[in-house]
């Protein structure tokens, strides 16, 4: 089970333009190994220099961005997908077609359609 420390939260379900809603971070790569193993090899999940996936969070699924900085510092941002033109229906579609049982409970792969939209992000 991935246990990460929350380092920042806006307290809102939306954020200032371009800013994540919540950020989790760790300098221990073992905390991310489960997610990295699960997500590696999925071409649509790697956008720019980050990995993206869907996670069940509070009242609705969210898109998470995992950044690897300097080869050892990891952070996971919960991004405001509405701000990037990704709808709840598109996320529900990706979840529906990602398989019956997720490898990591509550975590789902993005699909190619969401991946293309994420390629348009400024930091992608």
C-alpha atoms as a PDB file:
ATOM      1  CA  UNK A   1       0.000   0.000   0.000  1.00  0.00           C
ATOM      2  CA  UNK A   2       1.390   3.398  -0.997  1.00  0.00           C
ATOM      3  CA  UNK A   3       1.684   5.737   1.992  1.00  0.00           C
ATOM      4  CA  UNK A   4       2.580   9.312   1.070  1.00  0.00           C
ATOM      5  CA  UNK A   5       2.835  12.469   3.142  1.00  0.00           C
ATOM      6  CA  UNK A   6       0.541  15.335   2.141  1.00  0.00           C
ATOM      7  CA  UNK A   7       2.666  18.466   1.808  1.00  0.00           C
ATOM      8  CA  UNK A   8       0.127  20.911   0.419  1.00  0.00           C
ATOM      9  CA  UNK A   9      -3.619  21.164   0.038  1.00  0.00           C
ATOM     10  CA  UNK A  10      -5.737  24.052  -1.143  1.00  0.00           C
ATOM     11  CA  UNK A  11      -8.831  22.787   0.683  1.00  0.00           C
ATOM     12  CA  UNK A  12     -10.827  23.333  -2.490  1.00  0.00           C
ATOM     13  CA  UNK A  13     -11.813  20.977  -5.280  1.00  0.00           C
ATOM     14  CA  UNK A  14     -10.423  23.468  -7.788  1.00  0.00           C
ATOM     15  CA  UNK A  15      -7.205  25.448  -7.635  1.00  0.00           C
ATOM     16  CA  UNK A  16      -5.614  28.602  -8.938  1.00  0.00           C
ATOM     17  CA  UNK A  17      -5.009  28.243 -12.647  1.00  0.00           C
ATOM     18  CA  UNK A  18      -2.215  25.775 -13.268  1.00  0.00           C
ATOM     19  CA  UNK A  19      -1.746  24.820  -9.621  1.00  0.00           C
ATOM     20  CA  UNK A  20      -2.433  21.355  -8.199  1.00  0.00           C
ATOM     21  CA  UNK A  21      -5.227  20.843  -5.685  1.00  0.00           C
ATOM     22  CA  UNK A  22      -3.080  18.664  -3.404  1.00  0.00           C
ATOM     23  CA  UNK A  23       0.552  17.577  -3.448  1.00  0.00           C
ATOM     24  CA  UNK A  24       2.035  14.494  -1.820  1.00  0.00           C
ATOM     25  CA  UNK A  25       5.796  14.006  -1.653  1.00  0.00           C
ATOM     26  CA  UNK A  26       8.503  11.670  -0.446  1.00  0.00           C
ATOM     27  CA  UNK A  27      12.225  11.310  -0.963  1.00  0.00           C
ATOM     28  CA  UNK A  28      11.876   7.547  -0.447  1.00  0.00           C
ATOM     29  CA  UNK A  29      11.447   5.931  -3.883  1.00  0.00           C
ATOM     30  CA  UNK A  30      10.255   2.689  -2.261  1.00  0.00           C
ATOM     31  CA  UNK A  31       7.004   4.475  -1.412  1.00  0.00           C
ATOM     32  CA  UNK A  32       6.406   4.917  -5.127  1.00  0.00           C
ATOM     33  CA  UNK A  33       7.645   1.564  -6.354  1.00  0.00           C
ATOM     34  CA  UNK A  34       4.169   0.012  -6.400  1.00  0.00           C
ATOM     35  CA  UNK A  35       2.770   2.817  -8.569  1.00  0.00           C
ATOM     36  CA  UNK A  36       5.863   2.948 -10.796  1.00  0.00           C
ATOM     37  CA  UNK A  37       5.747  -0.817 -11.461  1.00  0.00           C
ATOM     38  CA  UNK A  38       2.048  -0.586 -12.260  1.00  0.00           C
ATOM     39  CA  UNK A  39       2.290   2.424 -14.566  1.00  0.00           C
ATOM     40  CA  UNK A  40       5.560   1.776 -16.448  1.00  0.00           C
ATOM     41  CA  UNK A  41       5.135   0.581 -19.976  1.00  0.00           C
ATOM     42  CA  UNK A  42       1.819   2.354 -20.502  1.00  0.00           C
ATOM     43  CA  UNK A  43       2.746   4.830 -23.236  1.00  0.00           C
ATOM     44  CA  UNK A  44      -0.353   6.986 -22.741  1.00  0.00           C
ATOM     45  CA  UNK A  45       0.478   7.398 -19.022  1.00  0.00           C
ATOM     46  CA  UNK A  46       3.831   9.118 -19.629  1.00  0.00           C
ATOM     47  CA  UNK A  47       3.331  12.715 -20.752  1.00  0.00           C
ATOM     48  CA  UNK A  48       6.236  15.158 -20.893  1.00  0.00           C
ATOM     49  CA  UNK A  49       8.339  14.254 -17.873  1.00  0.00           C
ATOM     50  CA  UNK A  50       5.521  12.957 -15.652  1.00  0.00           C
ATOM     51  CA  UNK A  51       3.304   9.915 -15.232  1.00  0.00           C
ATOM     52  CA  UNK A  52      -0.475  10.398 -15.072  1.00  0.00           C
ATOM     53  CA  UNK A  53      -3.169   8.101 -13.705  1.00  0.00           C
ATOM     54  CA  UNK A  54      -6.672   8.227 -12.244  1.00  0.00           C
ATOM     55  CA  UNK A  55      -7.280   7.697  -8.526  1.00  0.00           C
ATOM     56  CA  UNK A  56     -10.478   7.492  -6.519  1.00  0.00           C
ATOM     57  CA  UNK A  57     -10.394  10.501  -4.210  1.00  0.00           C
ATOM     58  CA  UNK A  58     -13.029  11.779  -1.844  1.00  0.00           C
ATOM     59  CA  UNK A  59     -16.246  12.173  -3.804  1.00  0.00           C
ATOM     60  CA  UNK A  60     -15.035  11.747  -7.384  1.00  0.00           C
ATOM     61  CA  UNK A  61     -12.092  10.296  -9.275  1.00  0.00           C
ATOM     62  CA  UNK A  62      -9.195  12.658  -9.932  1.00  0.00           C
ATOM     63  CA  UNK A  63      -6.194  12.755 -12.235  1.00  0.00           C
ATOM     64  CA  UNK A  64      -2.825  12.490 -10.522  1.00  0.00           C
ATOM     65  CA  UNK A  65       0.520  13.603 -11.916  1.00  0.00           C
ATOM     66  CA  UNK A  66       3.623  11.853 -10.561  1.00  0.00           C
ATOM     67  CA  UNK A  67       6.805  13.853 -11.039  1.00  0.00           C
ATOM     68  CA  UNK A  68      10.275  12.420 -10.683  1.00  0.00           C
ATOM     69  CA  UNK A  69      12.773  15.206 -10.074  1.00  0.00           C
ATOM     70  CA  UNK A  70      16.510  14.666 -10.040  1.00  0.00           C
ATOM     71  CA  UNK A  71      16.061  10.903 -10.130  1.00  0.00           C
ATOM     72  CA  UNK A  72      15.159  10.610  -6.454  1.00  0.00           C
ATOM     73  CA  UNK A  73      12.579  13.189  -5.334  1.00  0.00           C
ATOM     74  CA  UNK A  74       9.031  12.155  -6.123  1.00  0.00           C
ATOM     75  CA  UNK A  75       5.806  14.092  -5.779  1.00  0.00           C
ATOM     76  CA  UNK A  76       2.238  13.391  -6.739  1.00  0.00           C
ATOM     77  CA  UNK A  77      -0.068  16.282  -7.612  1.00  0.00           C
ATOM     78  CA  UNK A  78      -3.836  16.000  -7.821  1.00  0.00           C
ATOM     79  CA  UNK A  79      -4.595  18.232 -10.798  1.00  0.00           C
ATOM     80  CA  UNK A  80      -7.787  20.111 -11.596  1.00  0.00           C
ATOM     81  CA  UNK A  81      -8.873  18.116 -14.637  1.00  0.00           C
ATOM     82  CA  UNK A  82     -11.802  20.467 -15.357  1.00  0.00           C
ATOM     83  CA  UNK A  83      -9.267  23.249 -15.913  1.00  0.00           C
ATOM     84  CA  UNK A  84      -7.612  21.152 -18.613  1.00  0.00           C
ATOM     85  CA  UNK A  85     -10.802  20.302 -20.473  1.00  0.00           C
ATOM     86  CA  UNK A  86     -11.095  16.741 -19.136  1.00  0.00           C
ATOM     87  CA  UNK A  87     -14.629  15.907 -18.092  1.00  0.00           C
ATOM     88  CA  UNK A  88     -15.893  13.582 -15.381  1.00  0.00           C
ATOM     89  CA  UNK A  89     -17.509  11.517 -18.160  1.00  0.00           C
ATOM     90  CA  UNK A  90     -14.129  11.053 -19.862  1.00  0.00           C
ATOM     91  CA  UNK A  91     -12.620   9.888 -16.582  1.00  0.00           C
ATOM     92  CA  UNK A  92     -15.547   7.512 -15.997  1.00  0.00           C
ATOM     93  CA  UNK A  93     -15.027   6.135 -19.522  1.00  0.00           C
ATOM     94  CA  UNK A  94     -11.323   5.498 -18.856  1.00  0.00           C
ATOM     95  CA  UNK A  95     -12.163   3.722 -15.591  1.00  0.00           C
ATOM     96  CA  UNK A  96     -14.851   1.613 -17.259  1.00  0.00           C
ATOM     97  CA  UNK A  97     -12.459   0.423 -19.963  1.00  0.00           C
ATOM     98  CA  UNK A  98      -9.332  -0.015 -17.844  1.00  0.00           C
ATOM     99  CA  UNK A  99     -10.279  -3.528 -16.756  1.00  0.00           C
ATOM    100  CA  UNK A 100     -12.385  -5.334 -14.214  1.00  0.00           C
ATOM    101  CA  UNK A 101     -10.143  -5.162 -11.153  1.00  0.00           C
ATOM    102  CA  UNK A 102      -7.409  -2.528 -10.764  1.00  0.00           C
ATOM    103  CA  UNK A 103      -3.928  -3.804  -9.878  1.00  0.00           C
ATOM    104  CA  UNK A 104      -3.782  -1.172  -7.128  1.00  0.00           C
ATOM    105  CA  UNK A 105      -7.200  -0.621  -5.519  1.00  0.00           C
ATOM    106  CA  UNK A 106      -8.657   2.742  -6.491  1.00  0.00           C
ATOM    107  CA  UNK A 107      -6.029   3.429  -9.187  1.00  0.00           C
ATOM    108  CA  UNK A 108      -6.778   3.348 -12.933  1.00  0.00           C
ATOM    109  CA  UNK A 109      -4.843   4.028 -16.111  1.00  0.00           C
ATOM    110  CA  UNK A 110      -5.694   7.044 -18.231  1.00  0.00           C
ATOM    111  CA  UNK A 111      -6.763   6.270 -21.784  1.00  0.00           C
ATOM    112  CA  UNK A 112      -5.331   7.624 -25.034  1.00  0.00           C
ATOM    113  CA  UNK A 113      -7.969  10.367 -25.283  1.00  0.00           C
ATOM    114  CA  UNK A 114      -7.090  11.815 -21.859  1.00  0.00           C
ATOM    115  CA  UNK A 115      -3.389  11.364 -22.665  1.00  0.00           C
ATOM    116  CA  UNK A 116      -3.757  13.525 -25.778  1.00  0.00           C
ATOM    117  CA  UNK A 117      -5.426  16.273 -23.743  1.00  0.00           C
ATOM    118  CA  UNK A 118      -2.674  16.108 -21.134  1.00  0.00           C
ATOM    119  CA  UNK A 119      -0.039  16.580 -23.856  1.00  0.00           C
ATOM    120  CA  UNK A 120      -1.393  20.113 -24.222  1.00  0.00           C
ATOM    121  CA  UNK A 121      -0.472  21.048 -20.620  1.00  0.00           C
ATOM    122  CA  UNK A 122       2.192  23.740 -20.333  1.00  0.00           C
ATOM    123  CA  UNK A 123       4.574  21.537 -18.303  1.00  0.00           C
ATOM    124  CA  UNK A 124       4.028  18.408 -20.407  1.00  0.00           C
END
